[in-house]
Amino acid sequence: HMIFHPDKALKHQVVMFAGDEEALRRRALEELLAAAEIVRDDFDLETLDADASSPMEWYASVSTAPFLSSRRTTIVRHLLRCDVENLKGTDLSKLPASALLILIADDESGSDDRQRTLKSVRSKWEKAIEKAGGAWYAFDPDPKGALEAVKREVDRMGKKISGPAAEALVEMTGGGLSRAIEELQKVEMFLGDQ
């Protein structure tokens, strides 16, 4: 798997986002759509749910000739609800150059057993995406890197944070960057221009 960079990701027809850091997955999706100059109500953008559609339908949707732009984008949510076996007979490596298929392994709830099953489903999808010449990006919690990531996030906001404050925030949010970012956004709103 690679470090996410929107321009590099756009060199692929199939892009998958996975991992438990929901805030980072969401940001990557926003950055990818922005780099592809796709707006939310774009005529050439369709969003499907993996448990209510099949890979063949995703393929058909994203292979449609774009109408008003240079590319046709299909976003598939809740990827892990679809077994990779359903891909049989659908060759994602044969998508047209105008296609951008974005597969998102959204958070799924459930028991430890279900979480283990989902992990295995995810790794099968990662292999399938690689085989099809696509790119997959994993946004998983990294408690060691959380402190640096919090500092980068504060920089992005144009604010400053002390070392002890950053450490306290990481500790409070259990090393999960998504939760830390949510808290930082509240602080940012509270601070305004201060």
C-alpha atoms as a PDB file:
ATOM      1  CA  HIS A   1       0.000   0.000   0.000  1.00  0.00           C
ATOM      2  CA  MET A   2       1.120   3.550  -0.601  1.00  0.00           C
ATOM      3  CA  ILE A   3       1.204   6.953   1.036  1.00  0.00           C
ATOM      4  CA  PHE A   4      -1.871   8.775  -0.207  1.00  0.00           C
ATOM      5  CA  HIS A   5      -1.327  11.565  -2.698  1.00  0.00           C
ATOM      6  CA  PRO A   6      -4.366  12.607  -4.807  1.00  0.00           C
ATOM      7  CA  ASP A   7      -2.444  13.175  -8.056  1.00  0.00           C
ATOM      8  CA  LYS A   8      -0.725   9.785  -7.829  1.00  0.00           C
ATOM      9  CA  ALA A   9      -4.019   8.086  -6.942  1.00  0.00           C
ATOM     10  CA  LEU A  10      -5.643   9.608 -10.033  1.00  0.00           C
ATOM     11  CA  LYS A  11      -3.205   7.700 -12.255  1.00  0.00           C
ATOM     12  CA  HIS A  12      -5.311   4.618 -11.425  1.00  0.00           C
ATOM     13  CA  GLN A  13      -8.821   3.696 -12.590  1.00  0.00           C
ATOM     14  CA  VAL A  14      -9.568   1.930  -9.282  1.00  0.00           C
ATOM     15  CA  VAL A  15      -8.802   3.437  -5.869  1.00  0.00           C
ATOM     16  CA  MET A  16      -9.690   1.865  -2.520  1.00  0.00           C
ATOM     17  CA  PHE A  17      -9.744   3.562   0.895  1.00  0.00           C
ATOM     18  CA  ALA A  18      -9.748   1.395   4.024  1.00  0.00           C
ATOM     19  CA  GLY A  19      -8.713   1.599   7.671  1.00  0.00           C
ATOM     20  CA  ASP A  20     -10.251   2.598  10.979  1.00  0.00           C
ATOM     21  CA  GLU A  21      -9.330   6.299  10.815  1.00  0.00           C
ATOM     22  CA  GLU A  22     -12.628   7.559   9.415  1.00  0.00           C
ATOM     23  CA  ALA A  23     -11.554  11.230   9.404  1.00  0.00           C
ATOM     24  CA  LEU A  24      -8.489  10.421   7.294  1.00  0.00           C
ATOM     25  CA  ARG A  25     -10.503   8.274   4.864  1.00  0.00           C
ATOM     26  CA  ARG A  26     -13.039  11.076   4.457  1.00  0.00           C
ATOM     27  CA  ARG A  27     -10.307  13.671   3.892  1.00  0.00           C
ATOM     28  CA  ALA A  28      -8.593  11.446   1.301  1.00  0.00           C
ATOM     29  CA  LEU A  29     -11.900  11.098  -0.557  1.00  0.00           C
ATOM     30  CA  GLU A  30     -12.429  14.878  -0.496  1.00  0.00           C
ATOM     31  CA  GLU A  31      -8.865  15.505  -1.732  1.00  0.00           C
ATOM     32  CA  LEU A  32      -9.220  12.899  -4.488  1.00  0.00           C
ATOM     33  CA  LEU A  33     -12.529  14.368  -5.715  1.00  0.00           C
ATOM     34  CA  ALA A  34     -11.063  17.888  -5.583  1.00  0.00           C
ATOM     35  CA  ALA A  35      -7.973  16.808  -7.559  1.00  0.00           C
ATOM     36  CA  ALA A  36     -10.266  15.179 -10.133  1.00  0.00           C
ATOM     37  CA  GLU A  37     -12.360  18.397 -10.167  1.00  0.00           C
ATOM     38  CA  ILE A  38     -15.501  16.506  -9.198  1.00  0.00           C
ATOM     39  CA  VAL A  39     -18.225  18.262  -7.235  1.00  0.00           C
ATOM     40  CA  ARG A  40     -20.777  16.444  -5.079  1.00  0.00           C
ATOM     41  CA  ASP A  41     -23.764  16.861  -7.414  1.00  0.00           C
ATOM     42  CA  ASP A  42     -21.664  16.237 -10.521  1.00  0.00           C
ATOM     43  CA  PHE A  43     -23.672  14.713 -13.370  1.00  0.00           C
ATOM     44  CA  ASP A  44     -20.847  12.215 -13.994  1.00  0.00           C
ATOM     45  CA  LEU A  45     -20.684  11.035 -10.366  1.00  0.00           C
ATOM     46  CA  GLU A  46     -22.697   8.126  -9.001  1.00  0.00           C
ATOM     47  CA  THR A  47     -22.631   6.678  -5.482  1.00  0.00           C
ATOM     48  CA  LEU A  48     -23.627   3.057  -4.881  1.00  0.00           C
ATOM     49  CA  ASP A  49     -23.840   0.837  -1.795  1.00  0.00           C
ATOM     50  CA  ALA A  50     -21.857  -2.409  -1.977  1.00  0.00           C
ATOM     51  CA  ASP A  51     -24.622  -4.397  -0.315  1.00  0.00           C
ATOM     52  CA  ALA A  52     -27.301  -3.122  -2.730  1.00  0.00           C
ATOM     53  CA  SER A  53     -25.351  -3.473  -5.980  1.00  0.00           C
ATOM     54  CA  SER A  54     -22.880  -5.839  -7.650  1.00  0.00           C
ATOM     55  CA  PRO A  55     -19.358  -5.306  -9.010  1.00  0.00           C
ATOM     56  CA  MET A  56     -20.859  -5.770 -12.476  1.00  0.00           C
ATOM     57  CA  GLU A  57     -23.147  -2.785 -11.809  1.00  0.00           C
ATOM     58  CA  TRP A  58     -20.198  -0.710 -10.511  1.00  0.00           C
ATOM     59  CA  TYR A  59     -18.317  -1.592 -13.688  1.00  0.00           C
ATOM     60  CA  ALA A  60     -21.273  -0.620 -15.884  1.00  0.00           C
ATOM     61  CA  SER A  61     -21.799   2.644 -13.990  1.00  0.00           C
ATOM     62  CA  VAL A  62     -18.166   3.771 -14.134  1.00  0.00           C
ATOM     63  CA  SER A  63     -17.749   2.608 -17.761  1.00  0.00           C
ATOM     64  CA  THR A  64     -20.553   4.868 -18.999  1.00  0.00           C
ATOM     65  CA  ALA A  65     -19.140   7.554 -21.281  1.00  0.00           C
ATOM     66  CA  PRO A  66     -18.874  10.804 -19.293  1.00  0.00           C
ATOM     67  CA  PHE A  67     -21.421  13.398 -20.374  1.00  0.00           C
ATOM     68  CA  LEU A  68     -20.152  16.754 -19.104  1.00  0.00           C
ATOM     69  CA  SER A  69     -16.603  16.048 -17.955  1.00  0.00           C
ATOM     70  CA  SER A  70     -13.523  14.080 -18.923  1.00  0.00           C
ATOM     71  CA  ARG A  71     -14.174  11.292 -16.462  1.00  0.00           C
ATOM     72  CA  ARG A  72     -16.960   9.185 -15.046  1.00  0.00           C
ATOM     73  CA  THR A  73     -16.695   8.554 -11.287  1.00  0.00           C
ATOM     74  CA  THR A  74     -18.473   5.892  -9.267  1.00  0.00           C
ATOM     75  CA  ILE A  75     -18.089   5.754  -5.490  1.00  0.00           C
ATOM     76  CA  VAL A  76     -18.955   2.456  -3.794  1.00  0.00           C
ATOM     77  CA  ARG A  77     -19.613   2.737  -0.047  1.00  0.00           C
ATOM     78  CA  HIS A  78     -19.493  -0.105   2.518  1.00  0.00           C
ATOM     79  CA  LEU A  79     -17.214  -2.209   0.314  1.00  0.00           C
ATOM     80  CA  LEU A  80     -16.663  -4.868   2.986  1.00  0.00           C
ATOM     81  CA  ARG A  81     -20.339  -5.864   2.822  1.00  0.00           C
ATOM     82  CA  CYS A  82     -19.594  -7.312  -0.610  1.00  0.00           C
ATOM     83  CA  ASP A  83     -17.597 -10.520  -0.871  1.00  0.00           C
ATOM     84  CA  VAL A  84     -14.645 -10.327  -3.252  1.00  0.00           C
ATOM     85  CA  GLU A  85     -15.992 -13.546  -4.845  1.00  0.00           C
ATOM     86  CA  ASN A  86     -18.707 -11.364  -6.421  1.00  0.00           C
ATOM     87  CA  LEU A  87     -15.955  -9.849  -8.567  1.00  0.00           C
ATOM     88  CA  LYS A  88     -15.739 -13.032 -10.655  1.00  0.00           C
ATOM     89  CA  GLY A  89     -16.493 -12.234 -14.270  1.00  0.00           C
ATOM     90  CA  THR A  90     -15.803  -8.503 -13.766  1.00  0.00           C
ATOM     91  CA  ASP A  91     -12.296  -7.461 -14.836  1.00  0.00           C
ATOM     92  CA  LEU A  92     -11.477  -4.131 -13.179  1.00  0.00           C
ATOM     93  CA  SER A  93      -8.208  -3.935 -15.128  1.00  0.00           C
ATOM     94  CA  LYS A  94     -10.245  -3.384 -18.319  1.00  0.00           C
ATOM     95  CA  LEU A  95     -11.963  -0.146 -17.255  1.00  0.00           C
ATOM     96  CA  PRO A  96     -11.903   2.695 -19.804  1.00  0.00           C
ATOM     97  CA  ALA A  97      -9.391   5.522 -19.290  1.00  0.00           C
ATOM     98  CA  SER A  98     -12.267   7.879 -18.363  1.00  0.00           C
ATOM     99  CA  ALA A  99     -13.277   5.674 -15.408  1.00  0.00           C
ATOM    100  CA  LEU A 100     -12.578   6.417 -11.752  1.00  0.00           C
ATOM    101  CA  LEU A 101     -13.943   3.738  -9.425  1.00  0.00           C
ATOM    102  CA  ILE A 102     -13.548   4.660  -5.747  1.00  0.00           C
ATOM    103  CA  LEU A 103     -14.152   1.812  -3.304  1.00  0.00           C
ATOM    104  CA  ILE A 104     -14.597   2.751   0.351  1.00  0.00           C
ATOM    105  CA  ALA A 105     -14.361   0.232   3.179  1.00  0.00           C
ATOM    106  CA  ASP A 106     -16.496   2.200   5.637  1.00  0.00           C
ATOM    107  CA  ASP A 107     -16.493   1.372   9.366  1.00  0.00           C
ATOM    108  CA  GLU A 108     -18.689  -1.618  10.119  1.00  0.00           C
ATOM    109  CA  SER A 109     -20.014  -2.509  13.545  1.00  0.00           C
ATOM    110  CA  GLY A 110     -20.191  -5.989  14.982  1.00  0.00           C
ATOM    111  CA  SER A 111     -18.655  -8.588  17.263  1.00  0.00           C
ATOM    112  CA  ASP A 112     -14.968  -9.502  17.381  1.00  0.00           C
ATOM    113  CA  ASP A 113     -15.734 -12.433  15.077  1.00  0.00           C
ATOM    114  CA  ARG A 114     -17.357 -10.124  12.550  1.00  0.00           C
ATOM    115  CA  GLN A 115     -14.403  -7.703  12.781  1.00  0.00           C
ATOM    116  CA  ARG A 116     -11.985 -10.584  12.073  1.00  0.00           C
ATOM    117  CA  THR A 117     -14.089 -11.638   9.064  1.00  0.00           C
ATOM    118  CA  LEU A 118     -14.120  -8.019   7.807  1.00  0.00           C
ATOM    119  CA  LYS A 119     -10.314  -7.817   8.124  1.00  0.00           C
ATOM    120  CA  SER A 120     -10.002 -10.890   5.936  1.00  0.00           C
ATOM    121  CA  VAL A 121     -12.525  -9.496   3.421  1.00  0.00           C
ATOM    122  CA  ARG A 122     -10.537  -6.241   3.357  1.00  0.00           C
ATOM    123  CA  SER A 123      -7.229  -7.982   2.632  1.00  0.00           C
ATOM    124  CA  LYS A 124      -8.853  -9.968  -0.208  1.00  0.00           C
ATOM    125  CA  TRP A 125     -10.136  -6.710  -1.719  1.00  0.00           C
ATOM    126  CA  GLU A 126      -6.662  -5.144  -1.381  1.00  0.00           C
ATOM    127  CA  LYS A 127      -5.172  -8.077  -3.339  1.00  0.00           C
ATOM    128  CA  ALA A 128      -7.905  -7.864  -5.991  1.00  0.00           C
ATOM    129  CA  ILE A 129      -7.361  -4.091  -6.415  1.00  0.00           C
ATOM    130  CA  GLU A 130      -3.607  -4.621  -6.769  1.00  0.00           C
ATOM    131  CA  LYS A 131      -4.158  -7.370  -9.331  1.00  0.00           C
ATOM    132  CA  ALA A 132      -6.390  -5.009 -11.332  1.00  0.00           C
ATOM    133  CA  GLY A 133      -3.631  -2.364 -11.379  1.00  0.00           C
ATOM    134  CA  GLY A 134      -5.472  -0.176  -8.887  1.00  0.00           C
ATOM    135  CA  ALA A 135      -4.232   1.560  -5.747  1.00  0.00           C
ATOM    136  CA  TRP A 136      -5.371   1.002  -2.169  1.00  0.00           C
ATOM    137  CA  TYR A 137      -4.707   3.173   0.839  1.00  0.00           C
ATOM    138  CA  ALA A 138      -5.022   2.100   4.478  1.00  0.00           C
ATOM    139  CA  PHE A 139      -5.766   4.708   7.118  1.00  0.00           C
ATOM    140  CA  ASP A 140      -5.225   2.727  10.301  1.00  0.00           C
ATOM    141  CA  PRO A 141      -4.638   4.104  13.804  1.00  0.00           C
ATOM    142  CA  ASP A 142      -0.997   4.760  14.565  1.00  0.00           C
ATOM    143  CA  PRO A 143      -0.733   5.743  18.245  1.00  0.00           C
ATOM    144  CA  LYS A 144       3.011   6.438  17.835  1.00  0.00           C
ATOM    145  CA  GLY A 145       2.381   8.757  14.872  1.00  0.00           C
ATOM    146  CA  ALA A 146      -0.718  10.338  16.425  1.00  0.00           C
ATOM    147  CA  LEU A 147       1.251  13.015  18.267  1.00  0.00           C
ATOM    148  CA  GLU A 148       3.001  14.203  15.085  1.00  0.00           C
ATOM    149  CA  ALA A 149      -0.284  14.004  13.189  1.00  0.00           C
ATOM    150  CA  VAL A 150      -2.035  16.165  15.813  1.00  0.00           C
ATOM    151  CA  LYS A 151       0.721  18.774  15.480  1.00  0.00           C
ATOM    152  CA  ARG A 152       0.380  18.703  11.659  1.00  0.00           C
ATOM    153  CA  GLU A 153      -3.390  19.108  12.000  1.00  0.00           C
ATOM    154  CA  VAL A 154      -2.955  22.142  14.269  1.00  0.00           C
ATOM    155  CA  ASP A 155      -0.507  23.618  11.719  1.00  0.00           C
ATOM    156  CA  ARG A 156      -3.096  23.090   8.974  1.00  0.00           C
ATOM    157  CA  MET A 157      -5.530  25.132  11.069  1.00  0.00           C
ATOM    158  CA  GLY A 158      -2.959  27.903  11.379  1.00  0.00           C
ATOM    159  CA  LYS A 159      -2.873  27.505  15.182  1.00  0.00           C
ATOM    160  CA  LYS A 160      -0.267  26.512  17.750  1.00  0.00           C
ATOM    161  CA  ILE A 161      -0.360  23.777  20.418  1.00  0.00           C
ATOM    162  CA  SER A 162       2.053  23.076  23.267  1.00  0.00           C
ATOM    163  CA  GLY A 163       3.736  19.677  23.526  1.00  0.00           C
ATOM    164  CA  PRO A 164       1.954  18.728  26.781  1.00  0.00           C
ATOM    165  CA  ALA A 165      -1.434  19.798  25.353  1.00  0.00           C
ATOM    166  CA  ALA A 166      -0.898  17.676  22.236  1.00  0.00           C
ATOM    167  CA  GLU A 167       0.121  14.694  24.394  1.00  0.00           C
ATOM    168  CA  ALA A 168      -2.948  15.131  26.617  1.00  0.00           C
ATOM    169  CA  LEU A 169      -5.211  15.222  23.555  1.00  0.00           C
ATOM    170  CA  VAL A 170      -3.690  12.030  22.101  1.00  0.00           C
ATOM    171  CA  GLU A 171      -4.040  10.329  25.488  1.00  0.00           C
ATOM    172  CA  MET A 172      -7.678  11.483  25.881  1.00  0.00           C
ATOM    173  CA  THR A 173      -8.611  10.158  22.429  1.00  0.00           C
ATOM    174  CA  GLY A 174      -6.854   6.801  22.869  1.00  0.00           C
ATOM    175  CA  GLY A 175      -4.345   7.457  20.080  1.00  0.00           C
ATOM    176  CA  GLY A 176      -7.156   7.619  17.502  1.00  0.00           C
ATOM    177  CA  LEU A 177      -6.486  10.495  15.148  1.00  0.00           C
ATOM    178  CA  SER A 178     -10.083  10.753  13.885  1.00  0.00           C
ATOM    179  CA  ARG A 179     -11.328  11.468  17.407  1.00  0.00           C
ATOM    180  CA  ALA A 180      -8.454  13.872  18.056  1.00  0.00           C
ATOM    181  CA  ILE A 181      -9.275  15.785  14.850  1.00  0.00           C
ATOM    182  CA  GLU A 182     -12.955  16.030  15.888  1.00  0.00           C
ATOM    183  CA  GLU A 183     -11.872  17.518  19.225  1.00  0.00           C
ATOM    184  CA  LEU A 184      -9.451  19.908  17.510  1.00  0.00           C
ATOM    185  CA  GLN A 185     -12.239  21.124  15.224  1.00  0.00           C
ATOM    186  CA  LYS A 186     -14.338  21.963  18.315  1.00  0.00           C
ATOM    187  CA  VAL A 187     -11.404  23.859  19.830  1.00  0.00           C
ATOM    188  CA  GLU A 188     -10.861  25.664  16.517  1.00  0.00           C
ATOM    189  CA  MET A 189     -14.522  26.776  16.420  1.00  0.00           C
ATOM    190  CA  PHE A 190     -14.272  27.919  20.035  1.00  0.00           C
ATOM    191  CA  LEU A 191     -11.068  29.890  19.375  1.00  0.00           C
ATOM    192  CA  GLY A 192     -12.187  31.555  16.168  1.00  0.00           C
ATOM    193  CA  ASP A 193      -9.426  33.975  15.105  1.00  0.00           C
ATOM    194  CA  GLN A 194      -7.542  33.807  18.420  1.00  0.00           C
END
